[in-house]
């Protein structure tokens, strides 16, 4: 009985030490995971160059078929692009455009379009959601 109790105390002590060590590692890694997802608007503008022909460099589409992206919520844009990339949202053109994008590319492109004004009032187009 005493041997079993000693073994339980030994296990409890070592599990506690392991959990404390694991917690310390997680705390040290959190800044790196957050930094990896920080948006870079300039990188987003550069990566979004292929988007300009449909969605416009200023985020305002010249064709009513394609949505304006200027001023859209960046979380919304991230979700939509990931859905196209991962096949949860269907559109042959957008799936092909989003497929090569990394998570960082998507965050950066979303930040770029979100940083733009809500659209050019002189064009007469309203910002539409699709």
C-alpha atoms as a PDB file:
ATOM      1  CA  UNK A   1       0.000   0.000   0.000  1.00  0.00           C
ATOM      2  CA  UNK A   2       2.769   2.438   0.939  1.00  0.00           C
ATOM      3  CA  UNK A   3       4.577   1.607  -2.295  1.00  0.00           C
ATOM      4  CA  UNK A   4       1.453   2.430  -4.319  1.00  0.00           C
ATOM      5  CA  UNK A   5       1.015   5.713  -2.474  1.00  0.00           C
ATOM      6  CA  UNK A   6       4.652   6.634  -3.120  1.00  0.00           C
ATOM      7  CA  UNK A   7       4.180   5.858  -6.805  1.00  0.00           C
ATOM      8  CA  UNK A   8       1.066   8.047  -6.989  1.00  0.00           C
ATOM      9  CA  UNK A   9       2.892  10.950  -5.334  1.00  0.00           C
ATOM     10  CA  UNK A  10       5.818  10.492  -7.747  1.00  0.00           C
ATOM     11  CA  UNK A  11       3.485  10.535 -10.760  1.00  0.00           C
ATOM     12  CA  UNK A  12       1.529  13.526  -9.472  1.00  0.00           C
ATOM     13  CA  UNK A  13       4.751  15.511  -8.870  1.00  0.00           C
ATOM     14  CA  UNK A  14       6.181  14.724 -12.333  1.00  0.00           C
ATOM     15  CA  UNK A  15       2.911  15.489 -14.124  1.00  0.00           C
ATOM     16  CA  UNK A  16       2.823  18.841 -12.321  1.00  0.00           C
ATOM     17  CA  UNK A  17       6.395  19.615 -13.384  1.00  0.00           C
ATOM     18  CA  UNK A  18       5.611  18.658 -17.007  1.00  0.00           C
ATOM     19  CA  UNK A  19       2.453  20.783 -17.074  1.00  0.00           C
ATOM     20  CA  UNK A  20       4.324  23.812 -15.712  1.00  0.00           C
ATOM     21  CA  UNK A  21       7.029  23.339 -18.346  1.00  0.00           C
ATOM     22  CA  UNK A  22       4.437  22.980 -21.098  1.00  0.00           C
ATOM     23  CA  UNK A  23       2.645  26.127 -19.935  1.00  0.00           C
ATOM     24  CA  UNK A  24       5.940  28.046 -20.046  1.00  0.00           C
ATOM     25  CA  UNK A  25       6.604  26.873 -23.619  1.00  0.00           C
ATOM     26  CA  UNK A  26       3.112  27.892 -24.751  1.00  0.00           C
ATOM     27  CA  UNK A  27       3.513  31.346 -23.175  1.00  0.00           C
ATOM     28  CA  UNK A  28       6.850  31.805 -24.985  1.00  0.00           C
ATOM     29  CA  UNK A  29       5.385  30.780 -28.360  1.00  0.00           C
ATOM     30  CA  UNK A  30       2.258  32.976 -28.282  1.00  0.00           C
ATOM     31  CA  UNK A  31       4.050  36.164 -29.485  1.00  0.00           C
ATOM     32  CA  UNK A  32       5.408  34.270 -32.491  1.00  0.00           C
ATOM     33  CA  UNK A  33       1.998  32.963 -33.566  1.00  0.00           C
ATOM     34  CA  UNK A  34       0.432  36.419 -33.180  1.00  0.00           C
ATOM     35  CA  UNK A  35       3.283  38.088 -35.096  1.00  0.00           C
ATOM     36  CA  UNK A  36       2.857  35.630 -37.970  1.00  0.00           C
ATOM     37  CA  UNK A  37      -0.723  36.823 -38.451  1.00  0.00           C
ATOM     38  CA  UNK A  38      -0.078  40.568 -38.234  1.00  0.00           C
ATOM     39  CA  UNK A  39      -1.175  42.180 -41.450  1.00  0.00           C
ATOM     40  CA  UNK A  40       1.241  43.924 -43.799  1.00  0.00           C
ATOM     41  CA  UNK A  41      -0.795  46.325 -45.940  1.00  0.00           C
ATOM     42  CA  UNK A  42       2.115  46.998 -48.337  1.00  0.00           C
ATOM     43  CA  UNK A  43       2.704  43.284 -48.901  1.00  0.00           C
ATOM     44  CA  UNK A  44      -1.052  42.928 -49.406  1.00  0.00           C
ATOM     45  CA  UNK A  45      -1.051  45.650 -52.066  1.00  0.00           C
ATOM     46  CA  UNK A  46       1.796  43.934 -53.902  1.00  0.00           C
ATOM     47  CA  UNK A  47       0.171  40.477 -53.680  1.00  0.00           C
ATOM     48  CA  UNK A  48      -3.243  41.882 -54.678  1.00  0.00           C
ATOM     49  CA  UNK A  49      -1.937  43.164 -58.015  1.00  0.00           C
ATOM     50  CA  UNK A  50      -3.534  40.170 -59.753  1.00  0.00           C
ATOM     51  CA  UNK A  51      -6.873  41.132 -58.180  1.00  0.00           C
ATOM     52  CA  UNK A  52      -6.854  44.633 -59.661  1.00  0.00           C
ATOM     53  CA  UNK A  53      -8.175  43.643 -63.086  1.00  0.00           C
ATOM     54  CA  UNK A  54     -11.509  42.601 -61.568  1.00  0.00           C
ATOM     55  CA  UNK A  55     -11.733  44.361 -58.198  1.00  0.00           C
ATOM     56  CA  UNK A  56      -9.766  47.504 -59.065  1.00  0.00           C
ATOM     57  CA  UNK A  57      -6.546  48.833 -57.555  1.00  0.00           C
ATOM     58  CA  UNK A  58      -8.662  51.142 -55.445  1.00  0.00           C
ATOM     59  CA  UNK A  59     -10.990  48.267 -54.515  1.00  0.00           C
ATOM     60  CA  UNK A  60     -13.809  49.597 -56.691  1.00  0.00           C
ATOM     61  CA  UNK A  61     -14.816  47.270 -59.512  1.00  0.00           C
ATOM     62  CA  UNK A  62     -15.413  48.731 -62.963  1.00  0.00           C
ATOM     63  CA  UNK A  63     -17.877  45.906 -63.679  1.00  0.00           C
ATOM     64  CA  UNK A  64     -21.047  45.368 -61.657  1.00  0.00           C
ATOM     65  CA  UNK A  65     -20.490  41.580 -61.863  1.00  0.00           C
ATOM     66  CA  UNK A  66     -17.566  41.765 -59.414  1.00  0.00           C
ATOM     67  CA  UNK A  67     -17.900  43.143 -55.889  1.00  0.00           C
ATOM     68  CA  UNK A  68     -16.141  46.211 -54.563  1.00  0.00           C
ATOM     69  CA  UNK A  69     -13.642  45.267 -51.879  1.00  0.00           C
ATOM     70  CA  UNK A  70     -12.616  48.741 -50.685  1.00  0.00           C
ATOM     71  CA  UNK A  71     -13.346  49.218 -47.009  1.00  0.00           C
ATOM     72  CA  UNK A  72     -14.705  45.715 -46.462  1.00  0.00           C
ATOM     73  CA  UNK A  73     -14.152  44.185 -43.049  1.00  0.00           C
ATOM     74  CA  UNK A  74     -10.817  42.361 -43.153  1.00  0.00           C
ATOM     75  CA  UNK A  75     -12.156  39.356 -41.175  1.00  0.00           C
ATOM     76  CA  UNK A  76     -14.949  38.996 -43.717  1.00  0.00           C
ATOM     77  CA  UNK A  77     -12.445  39.111 -46.599  1.00  0.00           C
ATOM     78  CA  UNK A  78     -10.161  36.575 -44.898  1.00  0.00           C
ATOM     79  CA  UNK A  79     -13.060  34.163 -44.443  1.00  0.00           C
ATOM     80  CA  UNK A  80     -14.252  34.536 -48.036  1.00  0.00           C
ATOM     81  CA  UNK A  81     -10.787  34.049 -49.552  1.00  0.00           C
ATOM     82  CA  UNK A  82     -10.071  31.022 -47.358  1.00  0.00           C
ATOM     83  CA  UNK A  83     -13.459  29.575 -48.314  1.00  0.00           C
ATOM     84  CA  UNK A  84     -12.620  29.986 -52.025  1.00  0.00           C
ATOM     85  CA  UNK A  85      -9.118  28.580 -51.531  1.00  0.00           C
ATOM     86  CA  UNK A  86     -10.293  25.598 -49.497  1.00  0.00           C
ATOM     87  CA  UNK A  87     -13.299  24.789 -51.732  1.00  0.00           C
ATOM     88  CA  UNK A  88     -16.033  25.762 -49.268  1.00  0.00           C
ATOM     89  CA  UNK A  89     -17.213  28.540 -51.586  1.00  0.00           C
ATOM     90  CA  UNK A  90     -17.628  27.848 -55.288  1.00  0.00           C
ATOM     91  CA  UNK A  91     -16.532  30.122 -58.105  1.00  0.00           C
ATOM     92  CA  UNK A  92     -14.083  28.788 -60.723  1.00  0.00           C
ATOM     93  CA  UNK A  93     -12.226  32.088 -61.150  1.00  0.00           C
ATOM     94  CA  UNK A  94     -11.935  32.897 -57.455  1.00  0.00           C
ATOM     95  CA  UNK A  95     -11.000  29.331 -56.548  1.00  0.00           C
ATOM     96  CA  UNK A  96      -8.147  29.455 -59.059  1.00  0.00           C
ATOM     97  CA  UNK A  97      -7.014  32.880 -57.823  1.00  0.00           C
ATOM     98  CA  UNK A  98      -7.160  31.930 -54.123  1.00  0.00           C
ATOM     99  CA  UNK A  99      -5.679  28.430 -54.364  1.00  0.00           C
ATOM    100  CA  UNK A 100      -1.987  29.531 -54.331  1.00  0.00           C
ATOM    101  CA  UNK A 101      -2.467  32.024 -51.486  1.00  0.00           C
ATOM    102  CA  UNK A 102      -0.938  31.338 -48.081  1.00  0.00           C
ATOM    103  CA  UNK A 103      -2.709  32.352 -44.879  1.00  0.00           C
ATOM    104  CA  UNK A 104      -0.308  35.322 -44.604  1.00  0.00           C
ATOM    105  CA  UNK A 105      -1.093  36.372 -48.211  1.00  0.00           C
ATOM    106  CA  UNK A 106      -4.809  36.296 -47.429  1.00  0.00           C
ATOM    107  CA  UNK A 107      -4.399  38.318 -44.217  1.00  0.00           C
ATOM    108  CA  UNK A 108      -2.251  40.897 -46.051  1.00  0.00           C
ATOM    109  CA  UNK A 109      -4.553  41.228 -49.075  1.00  0.00           C
ATOM    110  CA  UNK A 110      -7.547  41.574 -46.755  1.00  0.00           C
ATOM    111  CA  UNK A 111      -5.762  44.279 -44.768  1.00  0.00           C
ATOM    112  CA  UNK A 112      -4.939  46.143 -47.987  1.00  0.00           C
ATOM    113  CA  UNK A 113      -8.514  46.211 -49.287  1.00  0.00           C
ATOM    114  CA  UNK A 114      -9.903  46.927 -45.818  1.00  0.00           C
ATOM    115  CA  UNK A 115      -7.571  49.925 -45.491  1.00  0.00           C
ATOM    116  CA  UNK A 116      -9.057  51.578 -48.578  1.00  0.00           C
ATOM    117  CA  UNK A 117     -12.056  53.919 -48.484  1.00  0.00           C
ATOM    118  CA  UNK A 118     -15.527  52.437 -49.028  1.00  0.00           C
ATOM    119  CA  UNK A 119     -15.530  53.269 -52.712  1.00  0.00           C
ATOM    120  CA  UNK A 120     -15.438  56.065 -55.236  1.00  0.00           C
ATOM    121  CA  UNK A 121     -18.660  58.037 -55.092  1.00  0.00           C
ATOM    122  CA  UNK A 122     -17.878  59.663 -58.462  1.00  0.00           C
ATOM    123  CA  UNK A 123     -18.260  56.302 -60.210  1.00  0.00           C
ATOM    124  CA  UNK A 124     -21.805  56.020 -58.917  1.00  0.00           C
ATOM    125  CA  UNK A 125     -21.189  52.493 -57.659  1.00  0.00           C
ATOM    126  CA  UNK A 126     -22.169  51.459 -54.172  1.00  0.00           C
ATOM    127  CA  UNK A 127     -20.033  48.971 -52.302  1.00  0.00           C
ATOM    128  CA  UNK A 128     -21.836  45.648 -52.625  1.00  0.00           C
ATOM    129  CA  UNK A 129     -21.531  42.439 -50.650  1.00  0.00           C
ATOM    130  CA  UNK A 130     -21.619  39.210 -52.533  1.00  0.00           C
END
